[in-house]
Amino acid sequence: MVIDRLVLALPLLMVAVLALGSYWMVRSAPGVDTGELPRPPDDTPDYLIEGFTVQKFDSSGRLTALLKGASAQRLPDAPWIEIQKFTFLSTDAQGRVKRASADQGLSSQDNNEFQLSGHALMVREAHPAGDYPRLEIRGDFLHVWTEPEKVESDKPVQLVYGKHRMRADSLQYDGTTRTLQMDGRVQAILVSENRENSTP
């Protein structure tokens, strides 16, 4: 009789075991995050400007900076403004003029830092009082800061300082301390004339 009752109760026992197993699996499964999935980076520019010129003047009306390009755009949350046919000019209170140009440029929001690529050029014109001659740095890539003045490149560069001519595989120039470091294959033609053999 006991065996007969067990046989009759077996289907109910099986259903109970299956129900407990299903409950355990649901409780053990990792929870599903119902929050929003992260959005992929947005490559749509915040703005696009064609053929622009931006000028900055001091309180006396003197032009202190000029930035122009064939086009400019900025991606969302990007720290840079991308500029095609980049041209920059600045003049400080002492009359010192600096120029930069390139096929493409990345400009910081405050126009104090630039990454130039494609026929990159940075020029510091000769000081009006004759304190130093003209400085010109060319390369396929230049990383330029205006204040304090600094230029770096990990690509081959050409440097002209007065009548001096130099080439190197990389360059670090600090205008504040007037120190120049050139690495890799370095070639130089130095002309000893008047003050042209001074440090840049």
Protein backbone atom coordinates (compact mmCIF):
# COMPACT_ATOMS: atom_id res chain seq x y z
CA MET A 1 0.00 0.00 0.00
CA VAL A 2 2.81 2.38 0.88
CA ILE A 3 4.47 1.72 -2.48
CA ASP A 4 1.19 2.31 -4.31
CA ARG A 5 0.79 5.66 -2.54
CA LEU A 6 4.35 6.67 -3.47
CA VAL A 7 3.72 5.77 -7.09
CA LEU A 8 0.57 7.88 -7.09
CA ALA A 9 2.40 10.83 -5.44
CA LEU A 10 5.40 10.64 -7.77
CA PRO A 11 4.02 13.07 -10.39
CA LEU A 12 3.34 15.67 -7.71
CA LEU A 13 6.87 15.24 -6.31
CA MET A 14 8.35 15.70 -9.78
CA VAL A 15 6.35 18.91 -10.33
CA ALA A 16 7.52 20.23 -6.94
CA VAL A 17 11.17 19.46 -7.70
CA LEU A 18 10.93 21.17 -11.08
CA ALA A 19 9.29 24.23 -9.53
CA LEU A 20 12.02 24.53 -6.88
CA GLY A 21 14.71 24.13 -9.54
CA SER A 22 13.17 26.87 -11.69
CA TYR A 23 12.91 29.19 -8.67
CA TRP A 24 16.56 28.59 -7.76
CA MET A 25 17.72 29.30 -11.33
CA VAL A 26 15.81 32.60 -11.44
CA ARG A 27 17.24 33.71 -8.11
CA SER A 28 20.79 32.72 -9.11
CA ALA A 29 20.77 34.37 -12.54
CA PRO A 30 22.57 37.77 -12.77
CA GLY A 31 20.30 40.76 -12.77
CA VAL A 32 19.57 42.58 -15.99
CA ASP A 33 20.72 46.20 -16.10
CA THR A 34 17.68 48.21 -17.07
CA GLY A 35 19.68 51.45 -17.33
CA GLU A 36 20.50 53.11 -20.63
CA LEU A 37 23.29 51.58 -22.67
CA PRO A 38 26.30 53.87 -23.23
CA ARG A 39 25.99 55.80 -26.44
CA PRO A 40 28.72 55.42 -29.05
CA PRO A 41 30.94 58.48 -29.62
CA ASP A 42 29.18 61.12 -31.65
CA ASP A 43 31.18 62.03 -34.75
CA THR A 44 28.77 64.77 -35.79
CA PRO A 45 30.44 68.20 -35.42
CA ASP A 46 28.92 70.73 -33.05
CA TYR A 47 29.47 73.28 -35.77
CA LEU A 48 31.14 73.71 -39.15
CA ILE A 49 32.46 77.08 -40.36
CA GLU A 50 33.65 77.77 -43.89
CA GLY A 51 36.19 80.49 -44.75
CA PHE A 52 36.55 82.17 -41.36
CA THR A 53 38.80 84.78 -39.73
CA VAL A 54 38.94 85.47 -35.98
CA GLN A 55 40.71 88.58 -34.68
CA LYS A 56 41.65 89.61 -31.15
CA PHE A 57 42.40 93.18 -30.07
CA ASP A 58 43.75 94.69 -26.84
CA SER A 59 42.15 97.59 -24.97
CA SER A 60 43.90 100.14 -27.21
CA GLY A 61 42.54 98.54 -30.37
CA ARG A 62 45.85 96.93 -31.40
CA LEU A 63 45.56 93.58 -33.15
CA THR A 64 47.14 90.93 -30.91
CA ALA A 65 46.05 87.69 -32.59
CA LEU A 66 44.54 86.46 -35.83
CA LEU A 67 43.32 82.95 -36.63
CA LYS A 68 41.95 81.97 -40.03
CA GLY A 69 41.24 78.88 -42.08
CA ALA A 70 39.37 77.41 -45.01
CA SER A 71 37.07 75.56 -42.60
CA ALA A 72 36.76 74.71 -38.91
CA GLN A 73 34.77 72.17 -36.94
CA ARG A 74 34.59 70.81 -33.40
CA LEU A 75 33.39 67.38 -32.31
CA PRO A 76 31.26 67.08 -29.16
CA ASP A 77 33.34 67.11 -25.96
CA ALA A 78 36.57 67.46 -28.00
CA PRO A 79 39.24 69.80 -26.57
CA TRP A 80 40.36 70.82 -30.06
CA ILE A 81 39.02 72.80 -33.00
CA GLU A 82 39.95 71.16 -36.31
CA ILE A 83 41.03 73.71 -38.91
CA GLN A 84 41.85 73.19 -42.59
CA LYS A 85 44.42 75.56 -44.20
CA PHE A 86 45.45 76.83 -40.79
CA THR A 87 46.98 80.31 -40.40
CA PHE A 88 47.84 82.06 -37.13
CA LEU A 89 49.47 85.40 -36.29
CA SER A 90 50.17 86.99 -32.89
CA THR A 91 51.88 90.18 -31.70
CA ASP A 92 52.77 90.83 -28.05
CA ALA A 93 53.15 94.12 -26.19
CA GLN A 94 56.87 94.30 -27.12
CA GLY A 95 56.06 94.03 -30.81
CA ARG A 96 57.30 90.45 -31.19
CA VAL A 97 55.51 88.74 -34.07
CA LYS A 98 54.88 84.99 -34.33
CA ARG A 99 53.29 83.18 -37.25
CA ALA A 100 52.22 79.60 -37.86
CA SER A 101 50.61 77.77 -40.77
CA ALA A 102 49.84 74.22 -41.94
CA ASP A 103 47.55 72.19 -44.17
CA GLN A 104 45.67 71.03 -41.06
CA GLY A 105 45.71 72.35 -37.53
CA LEU A 106 44.23 71.50 -34.15
CA SER A 107 43.73 74.57 -31.98
CA SER A 108 43.00 74.66 -28.25
CA GLN A 109 39.96 76.66 -27.14
CA ASP A 110 42.17 79.54 -25.93
CA ASN A 111 44.31 79.54 -29.12
CA ASN A 112 47.46 78.99 -27.04
CA GLU A 113 48.30 75.45 -28.22
CA PHE A 114 48.38 74.07 -31.75
CA GLN A 115 49.13 70.75 -33.40
CA LEU A 116 50.10 71.40 -37.00
CA SER A 117 50.46 68.76 -39.72
CA GLY A 118 51.19 68.95 -43.42
CA HIS A 119 53.74 71.64 -44.44
CA ALA A 120 53.80 72.89 -40.85
CA LEU A 121 55.61 76.18 -40.29
CA MET A 122 56.33 78.27 -37.19
CA VAL A 123 58.07 81.64 -37.49
CA ARG A 124 59.22 84.10 -34.84
CA GLU A 125 60.13 87.28 -36.66
CA ALA A 126 63.31 89.15 -35.77
CA HIS A 127 62.94 91.34 -32.68
CA PRO A 128 62.38 95.02 -33.59
CA ALA A 129 65.16 96.06 -31.20
CA GLY A 130 67.59 93.54 -32.70
CA ASP A 131 67.65 91.28 -29.61
CA TYR A 132 67.45 88.15 -31.77
CA PRO A 133 67.17 87.25 -35.47
CA ARG A 134 64.35 85.53 -37.29
CA LEU A 135 63.59 81.93 -36.24
CA GLU A 136 61.85 79.51 -38.61
CA ILE A 137 60.95 75.87 -37.96
CA ARG A 138 59.48 73.62 -40.67
CA GLY A 139 58.32 70.01 -40.65
CA ASP A 140 55.49 67.63 -41.39
CA PHE A 141 54.34 67.95 -37.77
CA LEU A 142 54.84 70.68 -35.15
CA HIS A 143 53.37 70.99 -31.66
CA VAL A 144 53.37 74.69 -30.82
CA TRP A 145 52.63 76.68 -27.66
CA THR A 146 52.51 80.50 -27.84
CA GLU A 147 52.70 81.44 -24.13
CA PRO A 148 55.18 80.35 -22.97
CA GLU A 149 56.79 79.90 -26.38
CA LYS A 150 57.62 76.26 -27.07
CA VAL A 151 57.86 73.99 -30.11
CA GLU A 152 58.20 70.20 -30.17
CA SER A 153 58.23 67.59 -32.93
CA ASP A 154 58.98 63.89 -33.15
CA LYS A 155 59.22 64.16 -36.95
CA PRO A 156 62.11 65.44 -39.10
CA VAL A 157 62.41 69.23 -38.99
CA GLN A 158 64.35 72.06 -40.59
CA LEU A 159 65.37 75.09 -38.54
CA VAL A 160 66.64 78.46 -39.73
CA TYR A 161 68.01 80.88 -37.11
CA GLY A 162 69.35 83.99 -38.73
CA LYS A 163 71.87 82.60 -41.22
CA HIS A 164 72.22 79.26 -39.44
CA ARG A 165 70.65 76.16 -41.03
CA MET A 166 69.89 72.94 -39.13
CA ARG A 167 68.14 69.60 -39.74
CA ALA A 168 67.22 66.89 -37.25
CA ASP A 169 64.92 63.88 -36.74
CA SER A 170 63.21 65.54 -33.75
CA LEU A 171 63.23 68.84 -31.92
CA GLN A 172 62.43 70.50 -28.59
CA TYR A 173 62.67 74.28 -28.42
CA ASP A 174 61.94 76.44 -25.36
CA GLY A 175 61.67 80.14 -26.11
CA THR A 176 61.61 81.11 -22.43
CA THR A 177 65.03 79.64 -21.65
CA ARG A 178 66.19 79.89 -25.30
CA THR A 179 67.31 76.28 -25.31
CA LEU A 180 67.22 73.96 -28.31
CA GLN A 181 67.53 70.17 -28.32
CA MET A 182 67.78 68.30 -31.63
CA ASP A 183 68.03 64.51 -31.75
CA GLY A 184 68.61 61.76 -34.29
CA ARG A 185 70.52 62.63 -37.44
CA VAL A 186 71.51 66.26 -36.96
CA GLN A 187 73.07 68.40 -39.68
CA ALA A 188 74.00 72.06 -39.17
CA ILE A 189 75.55 74.90 -41.12
CA LEU A 190 76.58 77.61 -38.63
CA VAL A 191 77.65 81.06 -39.79
CA SER A 192 79.74 83.13 -37.38
CA GLU A 193 78.72 86.69 -38.14
CA ASN A 194 77.93 89.54 -35.73
CA ARG A 195 75.54 88.18 -33.10
CA GLU A 196 74.20 85.29 -35.23
CA ASN A 197 76.17 82.73 -33.25
CA SER A 198 74.10 83.39 -30.12
CA THR A 199 71.67 80.89 -28.67
CA PRO A 200 68.17 80.91 -30.19
